[in-house]
Every structure is written in structure tokens, then in C-alpha cells.
Amino acid sequence: MASQNDKHDHPVPIVSFLGPVSSYTHQVHTLADDERPPWSIGLTDFDLAQAALSTFESDRYDYQPAVTITDVFEAVQSGEAALGVVPFENSTNGAVVYTFELLADRHDRFLDVTVCAEAYLDVSHCLLGKKCGSTDSPDLSGACTPTMSSPNPLKPRVSPLHSVKHVKRLLSHPQAFGQCETFLGVYLKGVERVDVSSTSRAAEMVKEDTTGTSAAIASILAAKVHDLDVLAKGIEDREDNTTRFLIIRKGVDKQAGSAEKTKSLISFKVDHGTPGALASVLHCFQMYGINLTSINSRPTKVVPFQYIFFVEFEGSKLHDLTGMVKKTLDALESYVQSWRWLGSWDDKLKKRI
């Protein structure tokens, strides 16, 4: 354990995450139990990001929950937090729109924020609430009987552990709803859905509901933290449901993206009135043999139906041994109105598979 002098000489770095405590973003720090770098003054910011994913040790890192993803970005940009952990995409439900909105940075609020690492978390959702004391069979809480409009209804992977007939309101993050549609369509069809800032916040709100008719989609940890009953477990559509998180920091960590397998992310705008403008940009990557791993877009909010594009690709701008990344980025300048490098980091997906 660090001594008081150590703490004074080297302040404990703050890691901002989408809270409250027990959110999936908070759980990212449990991922890398086999990658626990010792605390030392010589740690690079990339090392720090890896340390942020190791088992939480309060004398080494100060994890501070944020109410929204915007709050995480603001904490990093201001220097209040050394690192931020934000959800980026889910294997079942796709991109996290809120994070892309902030990366679009239309008003230049986060010019110093870059991505320095990524992490993957296997996500299993539970339905949390308060048992109603009903003697009804949990399976009879919903129905997947064939009808004329749905002759072959989908069947969820699991059944409720307790009756859910009393549930009148369902709370969660929009991403979680999208990851559990089959279960919800059978057992909670027509129940009001309320979008909240995080799954853990949903659990908090259910605990506060004295009527006992609300339920949340959240983690098993949230059930323990908020003393809620687990009405159903493993309700996600796919067993391999996985969320990718990005680790963000202020400025550039020159050691990030130095592994054998790396990724980078850029954003750019093109002249939508020029035929083939987007195709020309993408051809630059093909021309220099750079593999694209994802493409996303968000509205510019300047002209209707015009977009800011995001391209993630294999390779590092910071450690470009072949020079192909530089050639690609130089080439695309001829076809874009503007572009921005958002970071390079080690590819953790390749390690997982």
C-alpha cells in the first residue's frame, strides 16, 4: 500500500466513468486481472489506462462516477480526470450514439481529448425489481403463442425467475433495451419504457419506487448494491453480448498504439454535393492497404442530411512503421473539407479472439 508521503508526492489519478457505482462502465476496471502494472512514477498514460482496467485499489486510483458521458468528456478535457472510460459500441445493438455525438465535437469543446486504449466487457443483463408475492408461474408472465400476425414468435433464451405481471414501468439505458428485445417482447410487451442515463441509475430509481411496480435492466452487481430482487437473469438476446469501451485522455500519449496490432479513429466531413466524395476518401485506405474496421456517421447539424463520418482502421498514426497510415491520411486531405485524428491504441479485440 502506498505511504502517505507517496500519495502526497504523486497524487492519486482520477478516472471518470459513467456512473453511478455498479454501472457496466464501472465494471470495466475488473477486466484485466492479469495486467496489473505496479504503481510507479514512470508509468505512461497508456499504462495508466491499463491500470484503470485492473482490480480497483482505492490507494492507487480514484474512480469518480459521472452522471452522463458528457460529464466524463468534460472531466478529461478540464484536466480534472486523468482518464475517462466511456461505452463505444455493443456487439448486439451497435454504436453508442451519445459517445459519437461527443466525438463529433461540433463546437470544439473537447479539442484535446483523444482515445488511448480500449476494453471489452461481456455484458449479461438482469431484470431487477421487487417480487410481488404472486403464486403465478413465471413462465405465464408472458406469452409467445403463435398468432396470425406472428406465426413463428421468437423465444427468449431464459424465462423469468419470478412473476413479472406486476411490472408497469421498465427503466434502463437505451442500449440495454436494444440488447434484450426478445425477452422484453415476450414477457414485458407493451410495458412503458423509460430511458435513463445508465443501467445503474435505473436500478437506483427502481429502489426509490415505493409502489414496487417498476423494474430495471441492469447488472447483477446493481442488484446487490441496491438490494433489489433478480426477477430474471441473462435476458440479453445473445450469450456473446459484448460492449466495447474507449479510454480517453487529454493530449497525446505517444506510447499508445505501439503494439503489433493497433487501431486508429478519425472523423471527417466531405462536400456532399461532389459525386463520389465519400467513395474517394475510402479509396485512399484501399490504395495503401489499410483495413477499415468500422464506419459510422452523425448529422453535421449545419445542413440537414449532411454528415460527419467516423472511420476506424487498423494501424497507428503514432507508430507507423510502414508509413502507409501517413500516406493514407495525406491522400484523403484532397477529398475532405476537414478531418481530425481522434487517437490510436492497441487492438484488444485481436487479443480476445
Protein backbone atom coordinates (compact mmCIF):
# COMPACT_ATOMS: atom_id res chain seq x y z
CA MET A 1 0.00 0.00 0.00
CA ALA A 2 1.26 3.46 -0.85
CA SER A 3 2.50 5.56 2.03
CA GLN A 4 1.09 8.96 2.87
CA ASN A 5 4.29 10.52 1.52
CA ASP A 6 3.85 8.66 -1.76
CA LYS A 7 0.31 9.96 -2.03
CA HIS A 8 1.50 13.48 -1.36
CA ASP A 9 4.32 13.29 -3.90
CA HIS A 10 2.24 11.54 -6.56
CA PRO A 11 -1.45 12.48 -6.34
CA VAL A 12 -3.86 9.63 -6.95
CA PRO A 13 -5.05 9.96 -10.56
CA ILE A 14 -8.78 10.30 -11.14
CA VAL A 15 -10.59 8.01 -13.55
CA SER A 16 -14.01 9.33 -14.55
CA PHE A 17 -16.63 6.77 -15.55
CA LEU A 18 -20.32 6.72 -16.41
CA GLY A 19 -21.98 6.09 -13.08
CA PRO A 20 -23.45 5.56 -10.63
CA VAL A 21 -21.40 2.81 -8.97
CA SER A 22 -22.35 -0.64 -10.37
CA SER A 23 -22.75 0.59 -13.96
CA TYR A 24 -21.16 -1.56 -16.65
CA THR A 25 -18.64 1.21 -17.30
CA HIS A 26 -17.63 1.00 -13.63
CA GLN A 27 -17.11 -2.74 -14.02
CA VAL A 28 -14.55 -2.26 -16.81
CA HIS A 29 -11.83 -1.95 -14.17
CA THR A 30 -12.23 -5.67 -13.31
CA LEU A 31 -11.29 -6.80 -16.80
CA ALA A 32 -7.54 -7.03 -16.75
CA ASP A 33 -6.74 -9.03 -13.66
CA ASP A 34 -3.71 -10.47 -15.48
CA GLU A 35 -2.41 -6.99 -16.38
CA ARG A 36 -1.71 -5.28 -13.08
CA PRO A 37 1.23 -2.94 -13.63
CA PRO A 38 2.87 -1.85 -10.38
CA TRP A 39 2.35 1.76 -9.41
CA SER A 40 5.36 3.90 -10.26
CA ILE A 41 6.14 7.44 -11.27
CA GLY A 42 7.39 6.16 -14.62
CA LEU A 43 4.03 4.86 -15.84
CA THR A 44 2.99 6.15 -19.26
CA ASP A 45 -0.57 7.33 -19.80
CA PHE A 46 -1.24 4.15 -21.76
CA ASP A 47 -0.01 2.10 -18.78
CA LEU A 48 -2.31 4.15 -16.60
CA ALA A 49 -5.22 3.27 -18.86
CA GLN A 50 -4.38 -0.40 -18.44
CA ALA A 51 -4.12 0.08 -14.70
CA ALA A 52 -7.54 1.68 -14.78
CA LEU A 53 -8.88 -1.63 -16.01
CA SER A 54 -7.28 -3.69 -13.26
CA THR A 55 -8.93 -4.53 -9.97
CA PHE A 56 -9.84 -1.34 -8.16
CA GLU A 57 -7.42 -0.31 -5.46
CA SER A 58 -8.50 2.89 -3.77
CA ASP A 59 -4.98 3.79 -2.71
CA ARG A 60 -3.83 3.80 -6.34
CA TYR A 61 -6.75 5.18 -8.33
CA ASP A 62 -9.67 7.38 -7.52
CA TYR A 63 -12.69 6.21 -9.52
CA GLN A 64 -15.26 9.01 -9.72
CA PRO A 65 -18.71 8.34 -11.21
CA ALA A 66 -20.18 10.87 -13.64
CA VAL A 67 -23.87 11.39 -14.32
CA THR A 68 -23.52 11.45 -18.13
CA ILE A 69 -20.98 10.62 -20.83
CA THR A 70 -20.69 14.38 -21.43
CA ASP A 71 -19.52 14.78 -17.83
CA VAL A 72 -16.76 12.22 -18.46
CA PHE A 73 -15.52 14.16 -21.51
CA GLU A 74 -15.65 17.43 -19.59
CA ALA A 75 -13.67 15.99 -16.68
CA VAL A 76 -10.95 14.79 -19.04
CA GLN A 77 -10.82 18.00 -21.11
CA SER A 78 -10.58 20.17 -17.99
CA GLY A 79 -7.80 18.04 -16.53
CA GLU A 80 -9.91 17.12 -13.51
CA ALA A 81 -9.63 13.46 -14.55
CA ALA A 82 -6.50 11.80 -15.92
CA LEU A 83 -8.63 9.30 -17.83
CA GLY A 84 -12.22 8.66 -18.79
CA VAL A 85 -13.99 5.40 -19.54
CA VAL A 86 -16.92 5.62 -21.98
CA PRO A 87 -19.02 2.99 -23.80
CA PHE A 88 -18.43 3.00 -27.55
CA GLU A 89 -20.36 0.15 -29.14
CA ASN A 90 -22.18 -3.07 -28.41
CA SER A 91 -21.92 -6.29 -30.41
CA THR A 92 -25.71 -6.69 -30.39
CA ASN A 93 -27.05 -3.14 -30.55
CA GLY A 94 -24.32 -1.22 -32.37
CA ALA A 95 -22.86 2.22 -31.74
CA VAL A 96 -23.42 4.25 -28.58
CA VAL A 97 -24.84 7.42 -30.11
CA TYR A 98 -24.04 9.64 -27.11
CA THR A 99 -20.31 8.91 -27.37
CA PHE A 100 -20.24 9.57 -31.12
CA GLU A 101 -22.07 12.85 -30.53
CA LEU A 102 -19.28 13.97 -28.23
CA LEU A 103 -16.55 12.76 -30.59
CA ALA A 104 -18.20 14.84 -33.33
CA ASP A 105 -17.37 17.87 -31.14
CA ARG A 106 -19.22 20.35 -33.36
CA HIS A 107 -18.44 23.30 -31.07
CA ASP A 108 -14.77 22.44 -30.36
CA ARG A 109 -15.36 21.75 -26.68
CA PHE A 110 -13.09 18.70 -26.49
CA LEU A 111 -10.21 19.54 -28.83
CA ASP A 112 -7.62 17.95 -26.52
CA VAL A 113 -9.47 14.68 -25.89
CA THR A 114 -8.01 11.59 -27.60
CA VAL A 115 -8.52 7.84 -27.37
CA CYS A 116 -5.56 5.96 -25.88
CA ALA A 117 -6.95 2.46 -25.20
CA GLU A 118 -9.97 0.17 -25.49
CA ALA A 119 -11.52 -2.56 -23.36
CA TYR A 120 -14.16 -5.23 -23.93
CA LEU A 121 -16.70 -6.36 -21.34
CA ASP A 122 -19.02 -9.35 -21.64
CA VAL A 123 -22.40 -7.95 -20.64
CA SER A 124 -25.16 -10.02 -19.07
CA HIS A 125 -28.36 -8.20 -18.16
CA CYS A 126 -30.78 -8.90 -15.33
CA LEU A 127 -34.32 -7.72 -14.75
CA LEU A 128 -34.29 -6.15 -11.29
CA GLY A 129 -37.23 -5.11 -9.15
CA LYS A 130 -39.28 -6.22 -6.21
CA LYS A 131 -41.04 -9.56 -6.04
CA CYS A 132 -44.80 -9.16 -5.93
CA GLY A 133 -45.56 -12.34 -3.96
CA SER A 134 -47.68 -13.75 -6.77
CA THR A 135 -48.05 -17.52 -6.99
CA ASP A 136 -48.37 -17.33 -10.79
CA SER A 137 -45.92 -19.36 -12.78
CA PRO A 138 -43.10 -17.10 -14.02
CA ASP A 139 -43.47 -18.64 -17.49
CA LEU A 140 -47.08 -17.46 -17.63
CA SER A 141 -45.96 -13.86 -17.08
CA GLY A 142 -45.67 -13.54 -20.83
CA ALA A 143 -46.69 -15.45 -23.89
CA CYS A 144 -45.01 -16.45 -27.12
CA THR A 145 -48.05 -18.26 -28.52
CA PRO A 146 -48.27 -18.20 -32.34
CA THR A 147 -50.78 -15.70 -33.71
CA MET A 148 -51.83 -14.69 -37.22
CA SER A 149 -49.61 -11.63 -37.05
CA SER A 150 -46.71 -13.58 -35.53
CA PRO A 151 -46.94 -17.24 -36.59
CA ASN A 152 -43.37 -18.01 -35.51
CA PRO A 153 -42.64 -15.87 -32.46
CA LEU A 154 -39.09 -15.62 -31.21
CA LYS A 155 -38.39 -17.39 -27.95
CA PRO A 156 -36.07 -15.77 -25.40
CA ARG A 157 -33.04 -17.61 -24.08
CA VAL A 158 -34.39 -17.55 -20.50
CA SER A 159 -37.63 -17.39 -18.54
CA PRO A 160 -38.32 -15.15 -15.52
CA LEU A 161 -37.33 -16.42 -12.11
CA HIS A 162 -40.39 -14.73 -10.59
CA SER A 163 -43.66 -13.38 -11.93
CA VAL A 164 -43.34 -10.04 -13.74
CA LYS A 165 -47.07 -9.39 -14.17
CA HIS A 166 -46.89 -6.54 -11.67
CA VAL A 167 -44.30 -4.57 -13.65
CA LYS A 168 -45.87 -1.40 -15.09
CA ARG A 169 -42.73 0.59 -15.89
CA LEU A 170 -39.32 -0.50 -17.20
CA LEU A 171 -36.22 1.65 -16.80
CA SER A 172 -32.79 1.36 -18.40
CA HIS A 173 -30.27 2.86 -20.80
CA PRO A 174 -31.48 2.73 -24.44
CA GLN A 175 -28.59 0.41 -25.33
CA ALA A 176 -29.78 -2.16 -22.79
CA PHE A 177 -33.31 -2.12 -24.19
CA GLY A 178 -31.91 -2.88 -27.63
CA GLN A 179 -29.90 -5.81 -26.31
CA CYS A 180 -32.90 -7.54 -24.69
CA GLU A 181 -35.70 -7.13 -27.24
CA THR A 182 -36.66 -10.81 -27.48
CA PHE A 183 -37.18 -11.24 -23.73
CA LEU A 184 -38.99 -7.92 -23.44
CA GLY A 185 -41.22 -8.71 -26.41
CA VAL A 186 -42.43 -11.92 -24.75
CA TYR A 187 -42.60 -11.07 -21.05
CA LEU A 188 -42.96 -7.28 -20.90
CA LYS A 189 -44.65 -6.42 -24.17
CA GLY A 190 -46.44 -3.08 -24.02
CA VAL A 191 -44.87 -2.07 -20.70
CA GLU A 192 -43.83 1.59 -20.59
CA ARG A 193 -40.08 2.09 -21.17
CA VAL A 194 -38.20 4.96 -19.59
CA ASP A 195 -34.75 5.89 -20.91
CA VAL A 196 -32.27 6.89 -18.19
CA SER A 197 -28.58 7.85 -18.20
CA SER A 198 -27.25 4.43 -17.18
CA THR A 199 -28.37 0.97 -16.11
CA SER A 200 -27.17 1.60 -12.58
CA ARG A 201 -29.21 4.80 -12.38
CA ALA A 202 -32.21 2.75 -13.48
CA ALA A 203 -31.62 0.39 -10.54
CA GLU A 204 -31.41 3.37 -8.18
CA MET A 205 -34.75 4.68 -9.41
CA VAL A 206 -36.42 1.29 -9.06
CA LYS A 207 -35.22 1.06 -5.46
CA GLU A 208 -36.78 4.50 -4.82
CA ASP A 209 -40.18 3.47 -6.28
CA THR A 210 -42.36 2.64 -3.28
CA THR A 211 -45.12 1.13 -5.45
CA GLY A 212 -42.92 -1.84 -6.35
CA THR A 213 -44.20 -1.79 -9.93
CA SER A 214 -41.00 -0.60 -11.62
CA ALA A 215 -38.21 -2.80 -12.90
CA ALA A 216 -34.74 -2.09 -14.29
CA ILE A 217 -32.47 -3.76 -16.78
CA ALA A 218 -29.10 -3.68 -15.06
CA SER A 219 -26.24 -5.84 -13.81
CA ILE A 220 -26.24 -8.46 -11.09
CA LEU A 221 -23.89 -6.13 -9.19
CA ALA A 222 -26.56 -3.41 -9.27
CA ALA A 223 -28.97 -5.85 -7.61
CA LYS A 224 -26.54 -6.33 -4.75
CA VAL A 225 -25.67 -2.65 -4.42
CA HIS A 226 -29.32 -1.52 -4.39
CA ASP A 227 -30.81 -4.56 -2.60
CA LEU A 228 -33.18 -5.47 -5.44
CA ASP A 229 -34.67 -8.84 -6.35
CA VAL A 230 -33.45 -10.54 -9.52
CA LEU A 231 -36.69 -11.18 -11.42
CA ALA A 232 -34.85 -12.65 -14.41
CA LYS A 233 -31.22 -13.35 -15.22
CA GLY A 234 -29.32 -13.39 -18.53
CA ILE A 235 -32.09 -11.70 -20.52
CA GLU A 236 -29.82 -10.41 -23.32
CA ASP A 237 -30.67 -11.66 -26.82
CA ARG A 238 -27.24 -13.19 -27.40
CA GLU A 239 -24.99 -15.03 -24.99
CA ASP A 240 -21.94 -13.38 -26.57
CA ASN A 241 -23.26 -9.87 -25.88
CA THR A 242 -20.18 -7.63 -25.53
CA THR A 243 -19.64 -3.91 -25.09
CA ARG A 244 -16.50 -2.09 -26.16
CA PHE A 245 -15.29 0.85 -24.08
CA LEU A 246 -12.83 3.57 -25.01
CA ILE A 247 -10.31 5.05 -22.61
CA ILE A 248 -9.90 8.76 -23.25
CA ARG A 249 -7.31 11.25 -22.01
CA LYS A 250 -6.24 14.84 -22.53
CA GLY A 251 -3.48 15.32 -25.07
CA VAL A 252 -1.46 12.58 -26.74
CA ASP A 253 0.11 9.55 -25.14
CA LYS A 254 2.97 8.83 -27.53
CA GLN A 255 3.26 5.26 -26.22
CA ALA A 256 -0.35 4.37 -27.06
CA GLY A 257 -0.91 2.33 -30.19
CA SER A 258 2.57 0.80 -30.16
CA ALA A 259 1.62 -2.90 -30.12
CA GLU A 260 1.82 -5.21 -33.12
CA LYS A 261 -1.95 -4.84 -33.71
CA THR A 262 -3.33 -1.32 -33.42
CA LYS A 263 -6.34 0.79 -34.34
CA SER A 264 -6.95 4.45 -35.07
CA LEU A 265 -10.05 6.62 -35.31
CA ILE A 266 -10.60 9.73 -37.44
CA SER A 267 -13.58 11.94 -38.21
CA PHE A 268 -14.08 13.94 -41.39
CA LYS A 269 -16.55 15.96 -43.45
CA VAL A 270 -16.91 15.89 -47.24
CA ASP A 271 -18.68 18.05 -49.79
CA HIS A 272 -21.99 16.24 -50.16
CA GLY A 273 -22.53 17.97 -53.50
CA THR A 274 -19.49 16.28 -55.05
CA PRO A 275 -20.37 12.88 -56.57
CA GLY A 276 -18.27 10.10 -55.10
CA ALA A 277 -16.69 12.28 -52.40
CA LEU A 278 -17.08 9.64 -49.69
CA ALA A 279 -16.00 6.86 -52.05
CA SER A 280 -12.84 8.82 -52.89
CA VAL A 281 -11.93 9.07 -49.20
CA LEU A 282 -12.47 5.36 -48.65
CA HIS A 283 -10.44 4.56 -51.76
CA CYS A 284 -7.43 6.19 -50.09
CA PHE A 285 -7.48 3.43 -47.48
CA GLN A 286 -7.78 0.72 -50.11
CA MET A 287 -4.97 2.23 -52.18
CA TYR A 288 -2.49 1.94 -49.31
CA GLY A 289 -3.73 -1.38 -47.95
CA ILE A 290 -5.29 -0.04 -44.75
CA ASN A 291 -8.15 -2.21 -43.46
CA LEU A 292 -11.27 -0.45 -42.17
CA THR A 293 -12.86 -1.91 -39.02
CA SER A 294 -15.94 0.35 -38.76
CA ILE A 295 -17.72 3.32 -40.36
CA ASN A 296 -20.27 5.49 -38.56
CA SER A 297 -21.85 8.88 -39.10
CA ARG A 298 -23.66 11.64 -37.23
CA PRO A 299 -25.51 14.68 -38.64
CA THR A 300 -23.45 17.85 -39.01
CA LYS A 301 -26.41 19.85 -37.59
CA VAL A 302 -25.42 22.59 -40.02
CA VAL A 303 -27.14 21.40 -43.20
CA PRO A 304 -29.95 18.82 -42.99
CA PHE A 305 -28.96 15.29 -44.08
CA GLN A 306 -25.26 16.04 -44.26
CA TYR A 307 -22.92 14.09 -42.02
CA ILE A 308 -19.73 13.84 -40.05
CA PHE A 309 -18.17 10.46 -40.82
CA PHE A 310 -16.12 8.33 -38.44
CA VAL A 311 -13.70 5.72 -39.76
CA GLU A 312 -11.84 3.28 -37.55
CA PHE A 313 -8.97 1.43 -39.20
CA GLU A 314 -6.10 -0.90 -38.46
CA GLY A 315 -2.80 0.88 -37.91
CA SER A 316 -1.33 3.64 -35.77
CA LYS A 317 -0.64 7.25 -36.61
CA LEU A 318 1.89 7.37 -33.79
CA HIS A 319 3.81 4.19 -34.65
CA ASP A 320 3.53 3.93 -38.42
CA LEU A 321 6.46 1.69 -39.28
CA THR A 322 5.49 1.20 -42.92
CA GLY A 323 4.41 4.79 -43.49
CA MET A 324 1.14 3.62 -45.03
CA VAL A 325 -1.05 5.36 -42.44
CA LYS A 326 0.65 8.70 -43.13
CA LYS A 327 0.30 8.24 -46.87
CA THR A 328 -3.39 7.44 -46.44
CA LEU A 329 -4.08 10.47 -44.25
CA ASP A 330 -2.11 12.72 -46.61
CA ALA A 331 -4.07 11.41 -49.60
CA LEU A 332 -7.52 11.89 -48.07
CA GLU A 333 -6.86 15.59 -47.47
CA SER A 334 -7.59 16.15 -51.17
CA TYR A 335 -11.15 14.85 -50.75
CA VAL A 336 -12.32 16.15 -47.37
CA GLN A 337 -13.44 19.55 -46.17
CA SER A 338 -11.84 18.86 -42.79
CA TRP A 339 -10.68 15.89 -40.75
CA ARG A 340 -9.49 15.11 -37.23
CA TRP A 341 -7.39 12.35 -35.74
CA LEU A 342 -9.11 11.07 -32.59
CA GLY A 343 -6.50 8.63 -31.36
CA SER A 344 -4.52 5.43 -31.86
CA TRP A 345 -4.41 2.49 -29.45
CA ASP A 346 -3.60 -1.21 -29.05
CA ASP A 347 -6.15 -3.55 -30.58
CA LYS A 348 -7.63 -5.62 -27.74
CA LEU A 349 -10.19 -7.42 -29.92
CA LYS A 350 -7.46 -9.37 -31.69
CA LYS A 351 -6.22 -10.49 -28.29
CA ARG A 352 -9.69 -11.66 -27.25
CA ILE A 353 -10.27 -13.82 -30.32
